[in-house]
Amino acid sequence: MNAYDEIRQAAVRLIEERKIDPHKSKDQTRALAGEVVDDYQRRAHLGTIRALRDPGEMVNRVVRSILEFGPLTELFDRPDVEEIFIEGSRVSYIDGTGSLKALTVPTTERENRQVITRLLAETDRHLDTANPIVQARILGGTARLTAVIGPIADQISATVRRYALRKETLSSMVELGSLTPAAAGFLWAVMQTNMSVLISGPPGAGKTSMLAAMLTAAPSTHCLRCCEEVRELHIPITHGSYYESRPATLDGSGEISLRDLVKVVLAMRPDRIVVGEVRGSEAFELTRAVNAGCGFACTVHANSARDALNAIVNAALMAGENVSEPIVRKVFAASIDYVVHLGRDAVAANDGSGLRRQVMELLAVVPTMSDDFSTEKLFDRERLGKPLEWTGLLPPPQAVGIIEQTLPEGMTLRAILEGRVSPL
């Protein structure tokens, strides 16, 4: 254990023993840290350990750690850290290269629990035995915390996901290699309409980033109603608003679910309803978007574009509305226009280039008389790293007509797909 870790842990122990609240007694906390550093220097002068070069800087460092986020403070300061995992006393993280690394600073489960409590202090959420599961926006809305404690988990288990600070656009997706100019141009054209789009992929594939990029392409005159359990989207909206679900209070009242939000915004004349992540009964309310005359855009966990269509049907059936699967499937077959599926590397490359997150396929859902989905693949990528290629197919004629009504004069959808022109 190095000097900093030893001094920090000694200071934390003293704070607990003396029952000091660091945030209410900052001067006392600094004085206590000074005591620990002085004691360390005295022992160093006896020759048992090496003396500190700058005791004052060590005091500042320890105080900052205690007042902020303990041993995790430096991780939160690093812009390249994408995700942080806490499992009891163990902390690991994923950096900008996509590699999973262990935190070298030793921590205890108690310290990590205190960090979670401090992160939640800025929110209206609580983590205790009555509420052993919590999700919340933290760090000024720049990250999402998911935490679980006993009796649900045998130790504290938490994940902090940092949001990308850069503004995602379809052009930036081309620069990152996720899209080709032709595919990005096509998605731009789709977003000029109120057609419905499903974005799918495994966890960490970049679904929310792709959704954000597509939403930035929507006309400023479109009314966007964005519903999320925990807000992750941060694009500017000229017309419309963001809505966030709320858990029940301690007495079990006051819950506002994602399904409740979708019900409400359906009555607010949206051009497009946005659901950050569809996992349950809120999917059933999206079937009502057909009657409301609006489109929707949402993400769903799935291993392929076809699986995504089945996933949203299964989620809608969770609503328990006594509607048969064939009917739900038929409604979604008529309301979903396109599926954008993303993939990612299972592990980061050894060259430090990071995880690849790329669009693997783009499907058009075509009209059919049956109760099942009929699809045509417009773009396809054989595997990660290979080019995303247009298959030569166009969307259904009616869809082409709708899209071309919104394009700049003289521009056609075929010209965009062939890469001869770009609306970006």
Protein backbone atom coordinates (compact mmCIF):
# COMPACT_ATOMS: atom_id res chain seq x y z
CA MET A 1 0.00 0.00 0.00
CA ASN A 2 1.42 3.40 -0.95
CA ALA A 3 1.56 6.46 1.29
CA TYR A 4 -1.58 8.08 -0.12
CA ASP A 5 -3.73 4.99 0.33
CA GLU A 6 -2.45 4.43 3.86
CA ILE A 7 -3.08 8.04 4.88
CA ARG A 8 -6.49 8.19 3.19
CA GLN A 9 -7.73 5.02 4.87
CA ALA A 10 -6.41 6.16 8.26
CA ALA A 11 -8.24 9.48 7.84
CA VAL A 12 -11.48 7.71 6.87
CA ARG A 13 -11.25 5.49 9.97
CA LEU A 14 -10.76 8.50 12.25
CA ILE A 15 -13.71 10.32 10.68
CA GLU A 16 -15.92 7.32 11.39
CA GLU A 17 -14.59 6.88 14.94
CA ARG A 18 -15.13 10.56 15.80
CA LYS A 19 -18.51 10.63 14.00
CA ILE A 20 -17.57 13.61 11.86
CA ASP A 21 -19.72 14.66 8.89
CA PRO A 22 -17.04 15.82 6.41
CA HIS A 23 -19.43 18.00 4.41
CA LYS A 24 -20.70 19.84 7.49
CA SER A 25 -17.27 20.05 9.14
CA LYS A 26 -14.80 20.71 6.32
CA ASP A 27 -12.33 22.55 8.57
CA GLN A 28 -12.40 19.69 11.07
CA THR A 29 -11.89 17.22 8.23
CA ARG A 30 -8.86 19.14 6.99
CA ALA A 31 -7.43 19.33 10.51
CA LEU A 32 -7.89 15.59 10.95
CA ALA A 33 -6.16 14.88 7.62
CA GLY A 34 -3.32 17.11 8.79
CA GLU A 35 -3.03 15.05 11.99
CA VAL A 36 -2.71 11.84 10.01
CA VAL A 37 -0.09 13.35 7.69
CA ASP A 38 1.88 14.73 10.65
CA ASP A 39 1.83 11.30 12.29
CA TYR A 40 3.06 9.75 9.04
CA GLN A 41 5.93 12.27 8.84
CA ARG A 42 6.92 11.57 12.46
CA ARG A 43 7.17 7.88 11.72
CA ALA A 44 9.16 8.68 8.60
CA HIS A 45 11.70 10.64 10.62
CA LEU A 46 12.22 7.52 12.75
CA GLY A 47 13.42 5.84 9.58
CA THR A 48 10.70 3.20 9.22
CA ILE A 49 9.08 4.74 6.12
CA ARG A 50 9.97 7.34 3.50
CA ALA A 51 8.96 10.93 4.32
CA LEU A 52 6.54 12.85 2.10
CA ARG A 53 8.08 15.45 -0.20
CA ASP A 54 5.06 17.77 0.06
CA PRO A 55 2.92 17.12 3.17
CA GLY A 56 0.61 20.03 2.33
CA GLU A 57 -0.23 18.59 -1.08
CA MET A 58 -0.95 15.22 0.52
CA VAL A 59 -3.41 16.87 2.92
CA ASN A 60 -5.14 18.57 -0.02
CA ARG A 61 -5.34 15.30 -1.92
CA VAL A 62 -6.79 13.36 1.01
CA VAL A 63 -9.34 16.07 1.86
CA ARG A 64 -10.47 16.23 -1.75
CA SER A 65 -10.90 12.47 -1.81
CA ILE A 66 -12.98 12.51 1.38
CA LEU A 67 -15.16 15.46 0.36
CA GLU A 68 -15.72 14.19 -3.15
CA PHE A 69 -15.83 10.51 -4.11
CA GLY A 70 -13.13 8.82 -2.10
CA PRO A 71 -10.90 6.43 -4.03
CA LEU A 72 -13.11 6.86 -7.11
CA THR A 73 -12.49 10.61 -7.38
CA GLU A 74 -9.69 10.22 -9.90
CA LEU A 75 -11.84 7.96 -12.10
CA PHE A 76 -14.58 10.58 -12.25
CA ASP A 77 -11.96 13.16 -13.20
CA ARG A 78 -10.79 11.14 -16.20
CA PRO A 79 -12.72 11.96 -19.41
CA ASP A 80 -11.71 8.65 -21.02
CA VAL A 81 -13.48 6.47 -18.43
CA GLU A 82 -16.75 5.23 -19.95
CA GLU A 83 -18.09 2.90 -17.27
CA ILE A 84 -17.28 2.09 -13.64
CA PHE A 85 -18.22 -1.18 -11.93
CA ILE A 86 -18.41 -1.64 -8.16
CA GLU A 87 -18.74 -5.14 -6.70
CA GLY A 88 -18.30 -5.05 -2.94
CA SER A 89 -14.76 -3.83 -2.31
CA ARG A 90 -13.68 -4.34 -5.93
CA VAL A 91 -13.75 -1.53 -8.51
CA SER A 92 -13.09 -1.89 -12.22
CA TYR A 93 -13.68 0.37 -15.20
CA ILE A 94 -13.71 0.57 -18.98
CA ASP A 95 -11.54 3.27 -20.48
CA GLY A 96 -11.54 4.85 -23.93
CA THR A 97 -9.80 1.85 -25.47
CA GLY A 98 -12.67 -0.40 -24.43
CA SER A 99 -10.44 -2.38 -22.07
CA LEU A 100 -11.67 -3.53 -18.66
CA LYS A 101 -9.16 -2.53 -15.99
CA ALA A 102 -9.02 -2.93 -12.22
CA LEU A 103 -8.69 0.10 -9.97
CA THR A 104 -5.27 -0.15 -8.36
CA VAL A 105 -6.27 1.99 -5.36
CA PRO A 106 -7.48 -0.33 -2.57
CA THR A 107 -11.04 0.28 -1.39
CA THR A 108 -13.46 -1.22 1.11
CA GLU A 109 -17.13 -2.01 0.61
CA ARG A 110 -18.00 0.61 3.21
CA GLU A 111 -16.08 3.29 1.30
CA ASN A 112 -17.79 2.32 -1.94
CA ARG A 113 -21.20 2.44 -0.27
CA GLN A 114 -20.38 5.94 0.97
CA VAL A 115 -19.46 6.98 -2.57
CA ILE A 116 -22.84 5.76 -3.85
CA THR A 117 -24.63 7.62 -1.05
CA ARG A 118 -22.74 10.79 -1.94
CA LEU A 119 -23.61 10.41 -5.63
CA LEU A 120 -27.29 10.04 -4.75
CA ALA A 121 -27.26 13.10 -2.48
CA GLU A 122 -27.86 15.37 -5.48
CA THR A 123 -30.93 13.36 -6.54
CA ASP A 124 -34.32 12.49 -5.07
CA ARG A 125 -33.46 8.78 -5.03
CA HIS A 126 -32.48 6.70 -1.99
CA LEU A 127 -30.66 3.41 -1.54
CA ASP A 128 -31.58 1.48 1.60
CA THR A 129 -33.19 -1.78 2.66
CA ALA A 130 -36.62 -0.39 1.75
CA ASN A 131 -35.29 0.67 -1.68
CA PRO A 132 -32.50 -1.81 -2.48
CA ILE A 133 -32.48 -1.02 -6.21
CA VAL A 134 -31.95 2.48 -7.58
CA GLN A 135 -31.36 4.16 -10.92
CA ALA A 136 -30.54 7.85 -11.09
CA ARG A 137 -28.95 10.62 -13.11
CA ILE A 138 -25.82 11.76 -11.30
CA LEU A 139 -22.86 14.11 -11.67
CA GLY A 140 -25.01 16.92 -13.00
CA GLY A 141 -26.78 14.68 -15.48
CA THR A 142 -23.56 13.48 -17.12
CA ALA A 143 -23.84 9.88 -15.93
CA ARG A 144 -26.33 7.18 -14.95
CA LEU A 145 -26.05 5.16 -11.75
CA THR A 146 -27.58 1.73 -11.27
CA ALA A 147 -27.01 0.30 -7.78
CA VAL A 148 -28.25 -2.76 -5.88
CA ILE A 149 -27.71 -3.73 -2.23
CA GLY A 150 -28.93 -6.44 0.12
CA PRO A 151 -31.20 -8.27 0.47
CA ILE A 152 -31.33 -8.25 -3.36
CA ALA A 153 -27.55 -8.61 -3.74
CA ASP A 154 -25.07 -10.21 -1.34
CA GLN A 155 -22.88 -7.11 -1.55
CA ILE A 156 -23.12 -3.66 -3.04
CA SER A 157 -23.24 -3.91 -6.83
CA ALA A 158 -23.25 -0.75 -8.91
CA THR A 159 -22.53 0.55 -12.39
CA VAL A 160 -21.85 4.15 -13.37
CA ARG A 161 -22.22 4.82 -17.08
CA ARG A 162 -20.74 8.09 -18.32
CA TYR A 163 -22.48 9.81 -21.21
CA ALA A 164 -20.47 10.90 -24.22
CA LEU A 165 -19.80 14.62 -23.89
CA ARG A 166 -19.46 15.09 -27.64
CA LYS A 167 -22.52 16.00 -29.66
CA GLU A 168 -23.48 13.00 -31.76
CA THR A 169 -24.64 13.64 -35.33
CA LEU A 170 -25.06 11.44 -38.36
CA SER A 171 -21.90 13.04 -39.76
CA SER A 172 -19.95 12.11 -36.61
CA MET A 173 -21.25 8.54 -36.97
CA VAL A 174 -19.70 8.48 -40.44
CA GLU A 175 -16.40 9.78 -39.02
CA LEU A 176 -16.45 7.04 -36.37
CA GLY A 177 -17.00 4.37 -39.01
CA SER A 178 -20.42 3.34 -37.72
CA LEU A 179 -22.21 4.55 -40.86
CA THR A 180 -21.31 5.18 -44.49
CA PRO A 181 -22.23 8.54 -46.06
CA ALA A 182 -24.99 6.80 -48.03
CA ALA A 183 -26.50 5.13 -44.95
CA ALA A 184 -26.25 8.37 -42.95
CA GLY A 185 -27.91 10.27 -45.79
CA PHE A 186 -30.72 7.74 -45.87
CA LEU A 187 -31.33 8.02 -42.11
CA TRP A 188 -31.30 11.82 -42.42
CA ALA A 189 -34.00 11.54 -45.07
CA VAL A 190 -36.06 9.21 -42.86
CA MET A 191 -35.86 11.67 -39.97
CA GLN A 192 -37.42 14.42 -42.11
CA THR A 193 -40.62 12.36 -41.96
CA ASN A 194 -42.52 10.94 -38.99
CA MET A 195 -41.67 7.34 -39.93
CA SER A 196 -40.99 5.00 -37.02
CA VAL A 197 -37.53 3.58 -36.37
CA LEU A 198 -36.33 0.85 -34.03
CA ILE A 199 -32.65 0.89 -33.02
CA SER A 200 -31.32 -2.41 -31.70
CA GLY A 201 -28.13 -4.03 -30.52
CA PRO A 202 -26.42 -5.59 -27.50
CA PRO A 203 -25.52 -3.56 -24.39
CA GLY A 204 -22.78 -1.02 -25.10
CA ALA A 205 -23.23 -1.09 -28.89
CA GLY A 206 -24.02 2.63 -29.08
CA LYS A 207 -27.81 2.50 -29.46
CA THR A 208 -28.45 5.67 -27.47
CA SER A 209 -25.69 7.52 -29.31
CA MET A 210 -27.20 6.49 -32.65
CA LEU A 211 -30.65 7.56 -31.49
CA ALA A 212 -29.26 10.94 -30.44
CA ALA A 213 -27.50 11.35 -33.79
CA MET A 214 -30.70 10.60 -35.67
CA LEU A 215 -32.76 12.98 -33.53
CA THR A 216 -30.38 15.84 -34.29
CA ALA A 217 -31.39 15.39 -37.94
CA ALA A 218 -35.10 15.92 -37.22
CA PRO A 219 -36.51 19.26 -38.41
CA SER A 220 -36.78 21.90 -35.69
CA THR A 221 -40.51 22.17 -36.46
CA HIS A 222 -41.09 18.54 -35.42
CA CYS A 223 -42.51 18.04 -31.95
CA LEU A 224 -40.37 15.48 -30.11
CA ARG A 225 -41.57 13.96 -26.83
CA CYS A 226 -38.70 12.03 -25.23
CA CYS A 227 -39.55 9.53 -22.46
CA GLU A 228 -36.86 7.76 -20.42
CA GLU A 229 -36.54 5.92 -17.11
CA VAL A 230 -33.30 7.77 -16.46
CA ARG A 231 -32.50 10.58 -18.85
CA GLU A 232 -29.60 9.89 -21.17
CA LEU A 233 -30.54 11.95 -24.22
CA HIS A 234 -29.37 15.56 -24.13
CA ILE A 235 -29.97 16.92 -27.61
CA PRO A 236 -31.48 20.42 -27.87
CA ILE A 237 -35.20 20.31 -28.67
CA THR A 238 -36.84 23.38 -30.19
CA HIS A 239 -40.37 21.96 -30.07
CA GLY A 240 -41.15 19.32 -27.45
CA SER A 241 -39.66 18.21 -24.14
CA TYR A 242 -38.03 15.49 -22.02
CA TYR A 243 -39.88 13.32 -19.50
CA GLU A 244 -38.41 11.05 -16.84
CA SER A 245 -40.14 8.29 -14.89
CA ARG A 246 -40.30 8.36 -11.09
CA PRO A 247 -40.18 5.44 -8.64
CA ALA A 248 -42.75 4.98 -5.92
CA THR A 249 -42.23 6.65 -2.55
CA LEU A 250 -41.65 4.69 0.65
CA ASP A 251 -45.40 4.18 1.11
CA GLY A 252 -45.71 2.78 -2.42
CA SER A 253 -47.42 5.82 -3.93
CA GLY A 254 -46.41 8.39 -6.51
CA GLU A 255 -44.87 6.08 -9.10
CA ILE A 256 -44.84 7.39 -12.67
CA SER A 257 -43.80 4.62 -15.03
CA LEU A 258 -42.43 4.83 -18.53
CA ARG A 259 -45.78 3.50 -19.73
CA ASP A 260 -47.53 6.37 -17.93
CA LEU A 261 -45.28 8.86 -19.71
CA VAL A 262 -45.97 7.41 -23.14
CA LYS A 263 -49.72 7.55 -22.43
CA VAL A 264 -49.44 11.22 -21.51
CA VAL A 265 -47.35 12.36 -24.47
CA LEU A 266 -49.68 10.61 -26.91
CA ALA A 267 -52.18 13.33 -26.04
CA MET A 268 -49.65 16.14 -26.59
CA ARG A 269 -49.67 16.11 -30.40
CA PRO A 270 -46.16 14.75 -30.99
CA ASP A 271 -44.67 14.26 -34.42
CA ARG A 272 -42.44 11.59 -32.92
CA ILE A 273 -42.45 9.84 -29.56
CA VAL A 274 -38.99 8.86 -28.37
CA VAL A 275 -38.50 6.08 -25.81
CA GLY A 276 -34.90 5.79 -24.68
CA GLU A 277 -35.13 2.05 -24.07
CA VAL A 278 -38.15 -0.21 -24.50
CA ARG A 279 -38.18 -3.13 -22.07
CA GLY A 280 -41.74 -3.65 -20.92
CA SER A 281 -45.37 -2.61 -21.06
CA GLU A 282 -44.59 0.85 -22.44
CA ALA A 283 -44.22 -0.91 -25.80
CA PHE A 284 -47.97 -1.55 -25.86
CA GLU A 285 -48.65 2.19 -25.72
CA LEU A 286 -46.54 2.63 -28.84
CA THR A 287 -49.13 0.61 -30.76
CA ARG A 288 -51.48 3.52 -30.11
CA ALA A 289 -49.11 5.83 -31.99
CA VAL A 290 -50.58 4.42 -35.20
CA ASN A 291 -53.99 5.86 -34.32
CA ALA A 292 -52.45 9.10 -33.07
CA GLY A 293 -50.81 9.66 -36.45
CA CYS A 294 -47.32 10.08 -35.02
CA GLY A 295 -44.12 8.16 -35.43
CA PHE A 296 -41.76 6.84 -32.80
CA ALA A 297 -38.09 6.12 -32.31
CA CYS A 298 -36.78 3.83 -29.60
CA THR A 299 -34.02 1.41 -28.70
CA VAL A 300 -34.28 -2.23 -27.71
CA HIS A 301 -31.79 -4.93 -26.74
CA ALA A 302 -31.55 -7.58 -29.46
CA ASN A 303 -28.99 -9.70 -31.31
CA SER A 304 -30.30 -8.88 -34.79
CA ALA A 305 -32.75 -6.58 -36.52
CA ARG A 306 -35.30 -9.38 -36.86
CA ASP A 307 -34.88 -10.24 -33.17
CA ALA A 308 -35.59 -6.59 -32.36
CA LEU A 309 -39.01 -6.83 -33.98
CA ASN A 310 -39.83 -9.90 -31.91
CA ALA A 311 -38.47 -8.21 -28.78
CA ILE A 312 -40.78 -5.22 -29.04
CA VAL A 313 -43.77 -7.52 -29.59
CA ASN A 314 -42.86 -9.54 -26.49
CA ALA A 315 -42.44 -6.33 -24.50
CA ALA A 316 -45.90 -5.12 -25.55
CA LEU A 317 -47.46 -8.42 -24.48
CA MET A 318 -46.12 -7.78 -20.96
CA ALA A 319 -48.78 -5.08 -20.61
CA GLY A 320 -51.34 -7.83 -20.03
CA GLU A 321 -54.03 -6.10 -22.06
CA ASN A 322 -55.61 -9.36 -23.23
CA VAL A 323 -54.62 -8.64 -26.82
CA SER A 324 -53.36 -11.61 -28.82
CA GLU A 325 -49.81 -11.81 -30.11
CA PRO A 326 -50.89 -11.89 -33.79
CA ILE A 327 -52.77 -8.61 -33.36
CA VAL A 328 -49.83 -6.90 -31.62
CA ARG A 329 -47.48 -8.21 -34.28
CA LYS A 330 -49.78 -6.96 -37.04
CA VAL A 331 -50.01 -3.48 -35.51
CA PHE A 332 -46.22 -3.19 -35.18
CA ALA A 333 -45.76 -4.56 -38.71
CA ALA A 334 -47.88 -1.66 -39.92
CA SER A 335 -46.25 0.98 -37.71
CA ILE A 336 -42.50 0.21 -37.69
CA ASP A 337 -40.81 1.39 -40.87
CA TYR A 338 -37.11 0.68 -40.29
CA VAL A 339 -34.77 -1.18 -37.95
CA VAL A 340 -31.17 -0.05 -37.45
CA HIS A 341 -29.08 -2.79 -35.81
CA LEU A 342 -25.68 -2.15 -34.24
CA GLY A 343 -22.92 -4.51 -33.16
CA ARG A 344 -19.74 -4.15 -31.15
CA ASP A 345 -16.54 -6.02 -30.44
CA ALA A 346 -16.76 -8.50 -27.58
CA VAL A 347 -13.35 -7.35 -26.34
CA ALA A 348 -11.11 -4.41 -27.15
CA ALA A 349 -8.35 -4.76 -29.71
CA ASN A 350 -4.82 -5.15 -28.37
CA ASP A 351 -3.59 -2.18 -30.40
CA GLY A 352 -5.45 0.27 -28.17
CA SER A 353 -7.88 1.31 -30.91
CA GLY A 354 -10.85 0.55 -28.67
CA LEU A 355 -14.15 -1.19 -29.23
CA ARG A 356 -15.72 -0.92 -32.65
CA ARG A 357 -19.39 0.04 -32.59
CA GLN A 358 -20.90 -0.15 -36.04
CA VAL A 359 -24.25 -0.43 -37.79
CA MET A 360 -24.49 -4.02 -38.99
CA GLU A 361 -27.75 -3.91 -40.94
CA LEU A 362 -30.64 -1.65 -41.79
CA LEU A 363 -34.00 -3.26 -42.53
CA ALA A 364 -37.13 -1.85 -44.11
CA VAL A 365 -40.36 -3.32 -42.76
CA VAL A 366 -42.60 -3.71 -45.81
CA PRO A 367 -46.41 -3.90 -45.86
CA THR A 368 -47.89 -7.39 -45.73
CA MET A 369 -51.31 -8.99 -45.44
CA SER A 370 -50.03 -11.57 -42.94
CA ASP A 371 -49.74 -11.23 -39.17
CA ASP A 372 -45.95 -11.43 -39.29
CA PHE A 373 -43.15 -9.05 -40.24
CA SER A 374 -41.96 -8.87 -43.82
CA THR A 375 -38.58 -7.18 -44.16
CA GLU A 376 -36.05 -6.21 -46.80
CA LYS A 377 -32.41 -5.51 -46.04
CA LEU A 378 -31.35 -2.11 -47.37
CA PHE A 379 -27.82 -2.04 -45.91
CA ASP A 380 -25.69 -4.91 -44.69
CA ARG A 381 -22.25 -5.34 -43.12
CA GLU A 382 -20.79 -8.85 -43.36
CA ARG A 383 -18.96 -8.44 -40.06
CA LEU A 384 -17.35 -5.76 -37.92
CA GLY A 385 -14.65 -3.95 -39.83
CA LYS A 386 -16.13 -4.79 -43.22
CA PRO A 387 -17.90 -2.06 -45.24
CA LEU A 388 -21.59 -1.29 -44.74
CA GLU A 389 -22.98 -1.80 -48.23
CA TRP A 390 -26.23 -0.81 -49.88
CA THR A 391 -27.99 -3.94 -51.15
CA GLY A 392 -29.46 -2.17 -54.18
CA LEU A 393 -33.00 -2.33 -52.80
CA LEU A 394 -35.26 0.67 -52.26
CA PRO A 395 -37.89 1.00 -49.53
CA PRO A 396 -41.51 0.29 -50.54
CA PRO A 397 -42.80 2.74 -53.21
CA GLN A 398 -45.14 4.50 -50.79
CA ALA A 399 -42.25 5.11 -48.38
CA VAL A 400 -40.06 6.42 -51.19
CA GLY A 401 -42.80 8.88 -52.11
CA ILE A 402 -43.14 10.13 -48.53
CA ILE A 403 -39.39 10.59 -48.14
CA GLU A 404 -38.88 12.34 -51.47
CA GLN A 405 -41.53 14.93 -50.60
CA THR A 406 -39.19 16.17 -47.86
CA LEU A 407 -35.92 16.14 -49.83
CA PRO A 408 -34.28 19.25 -51.28
CA GLU A 409 -35.43 20.03 -54.80
CA GLY A 410 -33.80 17.83 -57.42
CA MET A 411 -32.56 15.24 -54.90
CA THR A 412 -33.82 11.66 -55.05
CA LEU A 413 -33.63 8.82 -52.57
CA ARG A 414 -31.89 6.59 -55.10
CA ALA A 415 -29.18 9.20 -55.58
CA ILE A 416 -28.64 9.27 -51.80
CA LEU A 417 -28.46 5.48 -51.55
CA GLU A 418 -26.05 5.28 -54.48
CA GLY A 419 -23.83 7.86 -52.78
CA ARG A 420 -24.08 10.37 -55.63
CA VAL A 421 -25.49 13.11 -53.39
CA SER A 422 -25.65 13.71 -49.66
CA PRO A 423 -28.14 15.81 -47.69
CA LEU A 424 -25.78 16.05 -44.70
